[in-house]
């Protein structure tokens, strides 16, 4: 629902549909638009537990809000734990 509020939702979704990707992959792309709409923050896959990060409510985002990927091996495929402000998303 949040992704649908993104100003480029319709355009981006139409482009993705041209790629003939699975529904799962479509949702993986759309969650990035949702993060931009809600103002940024931390995002992780539902099966990822970021146990090495200590985050309290109200704590500023790391790296001044710049997009940050916490995956130890970024070449492993789809990133599973990131943070950034709305502009970075």
N, C-alpha and C. Protein backbone atom coordinates (compact mmCIF):
# COMPACT_ATOMS: atom_id res chain seq x y z
N UNK A 1 0.82 -1.19 0.00
CA UNK A 1 0.00 0.00 0.00
C UNK A 1 0.86 1.25 0.00
N UNK A 2 1.94 1.26 0.78
CA UNK A 2 2.81 2.43 0.81
C UNK A 2 3.45 2.67 -0.55
N UNK A 3 3.87 1.61 -1.20
CA UNK A 3 4.52 1.76 -2.51
C UNK A 3 3.58 2.43 -3.51
N UNK A 4 2.29 2.18 -3.40
CA UNK A 4 1.32 2.76 -4.33
C UNK A 4 1.24 4.27 -4.21
N UNK A 5 1.70 4.83 -3.10
CA UNK A 5 1.70 6.29 -2.92
C UNK A 5 2.92 6.95 -3.55
N UNK A 6 3.88 6.16 -4.01
CA UNK A 6 5.09 6.71 -4.64
C UNK A 6 4.70 7.40 -5.95
N UNK A 7 5.26 8.59 -6.23
CA UNK A 7 4.86 9.31 -7.44
C UNK A 7 5.17 8.57 -8.75
N UNK A 8 6.11 7.65 -8.74
CA UNK A 8 6.46 6.90 -9.94
C UNK A 8 5.98 5.45 -9.90
N UNK A 9 5.05 5.16 -9.01
CA UNK A 9 4.61 3.77 -8.83
C UNK A 9 4.09 3.17 -10.14
N UNK A 10 3.16 3.84 -10.79
CA UNK A 10 2.56 3.30 -12.01
C UNK A 10 3.60 3.09 -13.10
N UNK A 11 4.46 4.08 -13.30
CA UNK A 11 5.49 4.00 -14.34
C UNK A 11 6.46 2.87 -14.04
N UNK A 12 6.96 2.83 -12.80
CA UNK A 12 7.93 1.79 -12.43
C UNK A 12 7.32 0.40 -12.52
N UNK A 13 6.08 0.26 -12.08
CA UNK A 13 5.43 -1.04 -12.11
C UNK A 13 5.22 -1.49 -13.56
N UNK A 14 4.84 -0.56 -14.44
CA UNK A 14 4.66 -0.92 -15.85
C UNK A 14 5.98 -1.39 -16.46
N UNK A 15 7.07 -0.70 -16.12
CA UNK A 15 8.39 -1.11 -16.63
C UNK A 15 8.77 -2.49 -16.13
N UNK A 16 8.50 -2.75 -14.85
CA UNK A 16 8.81 -4.06 -14.28
C UNK A 16 7.97 -5.16 -14.91
N UNK A 17 6.70 -4.86 -15.20
CA UNK A 17 5.83 -5.87 -15.82
C UNK A 17 6.33 -6.25 -17.21
N UNK A 18 6.97 -5.32 -17.90
CA UNK A 18 7.53 -5.63 -19.21
C UNK A 18 8.64 -6.67 -19.12
N UNK A 19 9.26 -6.79 -17.95
CA UNK A 19 10.34 -7.75 -17.75
C UNK A 19 9.83 -9.16 -17.49
N UNK A 20 8.52 -9.28 -17.31
CA UNK A 20 7.92 -10.59 -17.06
C UNK A 20 8.56 -11.28 -15.87
N UNK A 21 8.65 -10.56 -14.75
CA UNK A 21 9.23 -11.11 -13.53
C UNK A 21 8.13 -11.72 -12.66
N UNK A 22 8.52 -12.50 -11.68
CA UNK A 22 7.56 -13.14 -10.78
C UNK A 22 6.93 -12.10 -9.85
N UNK A 23 5.80 -12.47 -9.25
CA UNK A 23 5.16 -11.58 -8.28
C UNK A 23 6.10 -11.29 -7.12
N UNK A 24 6.83 -12.30 -6.68
CA UNK A 24 7.78 -12.11 -5.58
C UNK A 24 8.82 -11.06 -5.94
N UNK A 25 9.39 -11.16 -7.14
CA UNK A 25 10.40 -10.19 -7.55
C UNK A 25 9.80 -8.79 -7.69
N UNK A 26 8.56 -8.71 -8.16
CA UNK A 26 7.88 -7.43 -8.27
C UNK A 26 7.77 -6.78 -6.89
N UNK A 27 7.37 -7.55 -5.90
CA UNK A 27 7.26 -7.02 -4.54
C UNK A 27 8.61 -6.60 -3.99
N UNK A 28 9.66 -7.31 -4.34
CA UNK A 28 11.01 -6.93 -3.89
C UNK A 28 11.38 -5.55 -4.41
N UNK A 29 11.02 -5.24 -5.64
CA UNK A 29 11.29 -3.91 -6.18
C UNK A 29 10.36 -2.86 -5.56
N UNK A 30 9.11 -3.20 -5.40
CA UNK A 30 8.14 -2.23 -4.90
C UNK A 30 8.40 -1.81 -3.46
N UNK A 31 9.01 -2.66 -2.68
CA UNK A 31 9.28 -2.28 -1.29
C UNK A 31 10.26 -1.12 -1.20
N UNK A 32 11.10 -0.97 -2.22
CA UNK A 32 12.03 0.17 -2.24
C UNK A 32 11.25 1.47 -2.41
N UNK A 33 10.22 1.45 -3.23
CA UNK A 33 9.37 2.64 -3.38
C UNK A 33 8.63 2.93 -2.08
N UNK A 34 8.19 1.89 -1.40
CA UNK A 34 7.50 2.08 -0.12
C UNK A 34 8.42 2.74 0.90
N UNK A 35 9.68 2.34 0.92
CA UNK A 35 10.62 2.93 1.87
C UNK A 35 10.80 4.42 1.61
N UNK A 36 10.81 4.83 0.35
CA UNK A 36 10.95 6.25 0.03
C UNK A 36 9.72 7.03 0.52
N UNK A 37 8.54 6.46 0.36
CA UNK A 37 7.30 7.13 0.73
C UNK A 37 7.16 7.29 2.24
N UNK A 38 7.60 6.30 2.99
CA UNK A 38 7.44 6.36 4.45
C UNK A 38 8.53 7.16 5.13
N UNK A 39 9.47 7.70 4.37
CA UNK A 39 10.50 8.56 4.96
C UNK A 39 11.82 7.88 5.20
N UNK A 40 12.00 6.67 4.66
CA UNK A 40 13.26 5.96 4.84
C UNK A 40 13.29 5.21 6.16
N UNK A 41 14.46 4.73 6.52
CA UNK A 41 14.64 3.95 7.74
C UNK A 41 15.37 2.67 7.44
N UNK A 42 15.21 1.70 8.33
CA UNK A 42 15.82 0.39 8.14
C UNK A 42 14.84 -0.54 7.43
N UNK A 43 15.35 -1.40 6.57
CA UNK A 43 14.54 -2.41 5.92
C UNK A 43 15.33 -3.71 5.89
N UNK A 44 14.65 -4.78 6.21
CA UNK A 44 15.30 -6.09 6.09
C UNK A 44 14.28 -7.10 5.58
N UNK A 45 14.78 -8.18 5.00
CA UNK A 45 13.90 -9.29 4.65
C UNK A 45 13.31 -9.84 5.94
N UNK A 46 12.13 -10.43 5.84
CA UNK A 46 11.47 -10.94 7.04
C UNK A 46 12.25 -12.06 7.71
N UNK A 47 13.15 -12.70 6.98
CA UNK A 47 13.91 -13.80 7.56
C UNK A 47 15.33 -13.38 7.95
N UNK A 48 15.57 -12.08 8.06
CA UNK A 48 16.88 -11.57 8.46
C UNK A 48 16.76 -10.95 9.84
N UNK A 49 17.63 -11.36 10.72
CA UNK A 49 17.65 -10.82 12.08
C UNK A 49 18.94 -10.04 12.27
N UNK A 50 18.87 -8.71 12.26
CA UNK A 50 20.08 -7.88 12.38
C UNK A 50 20.59 -7.83 13.82
N UNK A 51 21.12 -8.93 14.28
CA UNK A 51 21.54 -9.04 15.67
C UNK A 51 22.78 -8.21 16.00
N UNK A 52 23.57 -7.84 15.00
CA UNK A 52 24.80 -7.11 15.28
C UNK A 52 24.60 -5.60 15.33
N UNK A 53 23.37 -5.10 15.10
CA UNK A 53 23.09 -3.67 15.13
C UNK A 53 22.25 -3.36 16.35
N UNK A 54 22.66 -2.39 17.12
CA UNK A 54 21.91 -1.94 18.28
C UNK A 54 21.19 -0.65 17.90
N UNK A 55 19.88 -0.73 17.76
CA UNK A 55 19.10 0.42 17.32
C UNK A 55 18.02 0.72 18.35
N UNK A 56 17.95 1.97 18.75
CA UNK A 56 16.89 2.42 19.65
C UNK A 56 15.96 3.34 18.88
N UNK A 57 14.74 3.44 19.34
CA UNK A 57 13.81 4.35 18.69
C UNK A 57 14.36 5.76 18.80
N UNK A 58 14.37 6.46 17.68
CA UNK A 58 14.86 7.83 17.67
C UNK A 58 16.34 7.97 17.36
N UNK A 59 17.05 6.86 17.25
CA UNK A 59 18.47 6.91 16.92
C UNK A 59 18.63 7.35 15.48
N UNK A 60 19.53 8.32 15.21
CA UNK A 60 19.72 8.75 13.82
C UNK A 60 20.24 7.60 12.96
N UNK A 61 19.90 7.66 11.68
CA UNK A 61 20.37 6.63 10.75
C UNK A 61 21.88 6.73 10.61
N UNK A 62 22.56 5.62 10.45
CA UNK A 62 24.02 5.63 10.26
C UNK A 62 24.41 6.36 8.98
N UNK A 63 25.62 6.82 8.93
CA UNK A 63 26.21 7.46 7.74
C UNK A 63 25.41 8.66 7.27
N UNK A 64 24.85 9.41 8.22
CA UNK A 64 24.13 10.62 7.88
C UNK A 64 22.90 10.37 7.04
N UNK A 65 22.34 9.17 7.08
CA UNK A 65 21.15 8.84 6.31
C UNK A 65 21.46 8.37 4.89
N UNK A 66 22.74 8.35 4.51
CA UNK A 66 23.10 7.83 3.19
C UNK A 66 22.74 6.36 3.11
N UNK A 67 22.37 5.91 1.91
CA UNK A 67 21.99 4.51 1.74
C UNK A 67 23.15 3.61 2.16
N UNK A 68 22.86 2.65 3.02
CA UNK A 68 23.87 1.75 3.56
C UNK A 68 23.38 0.32 3.45
N UNK A 69 24.21 -0.55 2.90
CA UNK A 69 23.91 -1.96 2.80
C UNK A 69 24.75 -2.70 3.85
N UNK A 70 24.10 -3.49 4.68
CA UNK A 70 24.79 -4.19 5.76
C UNK A 70 25.12 -5.64 5.43
N UNK A 71 24.78 -6.07 4.23
CA UNK A 71 25.09 -7.45 3.86
C UNK A 71 26.60 -7.62 3.79
N UNK A 72 27.13 -8.69 4.38
CA UNK A 72 28.58 -8.87 4.39
C UNK A 72 29.17 -9.13 3.00
N UNK A 73 28.37 -9.66 2.09
CA UNK A 73 28.85 -9.96 0.75
C UNK A 73 27.86 -9.37 -0.26
N UNK A 74 28.05 -8.08 -0.66
CA UNK A 74 27.08 -7.44 -1.54
C UNK A 74 26.91 -8.12 -2.90
N UNK A 75 27.85 -8.95 -3.30
CA UNK A 75 27.73 -9.62 -4.59
C UNK A 75 26.91 -10.90 -4.49
N UNK A 76 26.34 -11.17 -3.31
CA UNK A 76 25.61 -12.42 -3.10
C UNK A 76 24.21 -12.41 -3.69
N UNK A 77 23.76 -11.31 -4.22
CA UNK A 77 22.42 -11.27 -4.82
C UNK A 77 21.61 -10.12 -4.28
N UNK A 78 20.36 -10.38 -3.95
CA UNK A 78 19.44 -9.34 -3.48
C UNK A 78 19.85 -8.90 -2.07
N UNK A 79 20.04 -7.59 -1.87
CA UNK A 79 20.39 -7.13 -0.53
C UNK A 79 19.26 -7.41 0.46
N UNK A 80 19.61 -7.77 1.69
CA UNK A 80 18.58 -8.17 2.64
C UNK A 80 18.49 -7.28 3.87
N UNK A 81 19.41 -6.33 4.05
CA UNK A 81 19.34 -5.43 5.21
C UNK A 81 20.01 -4.11 4.83
N UNK A 82 19.21 -3.04 4.80
CA UNK A 82 19.70 -1.73 4.40
C UNK A 82 19.08 -0.64 5.26
N UNK A 83 19.68 0.57 5.15
CA UNK A 83 19.07 1.75 5.76
C UNK A 83 19.36 2.95 4.86
N UNK A 84 18.57 3.99 5.03
CA UNK A 84 18.76 5.23 4.30
C UNK A 84 17.59 6.15 4.52
N UNK A 85 17.79 7.45 4.27
CA UNK A 85 16.68 8.38 4.39
C UNK A 85 15.81 8.28 3.15
N UNK A 86 14.71 9.03 3.12
CA UNK A 86 13.74 8.93 2.02
C UNK A 86 14.38 9.27 0.68
N UNK A 87 15.21 10.28 0.65
CA UNK A 87 15.85 10.67 -0.61
C UNK A 87 16.76 9.56 -1.14
N UNK A 88 17.47 8.89 -0.25
CA UNK A 88 18.36 7.81 -0.68
C UNK A 88 17.59 6.62 -1.22
N UNK A 89 16.44 6.32 -0.61
CA UNK A 89 15.63 5.20 -1.10
C UNK A 89 15.07 5.55 -2.45
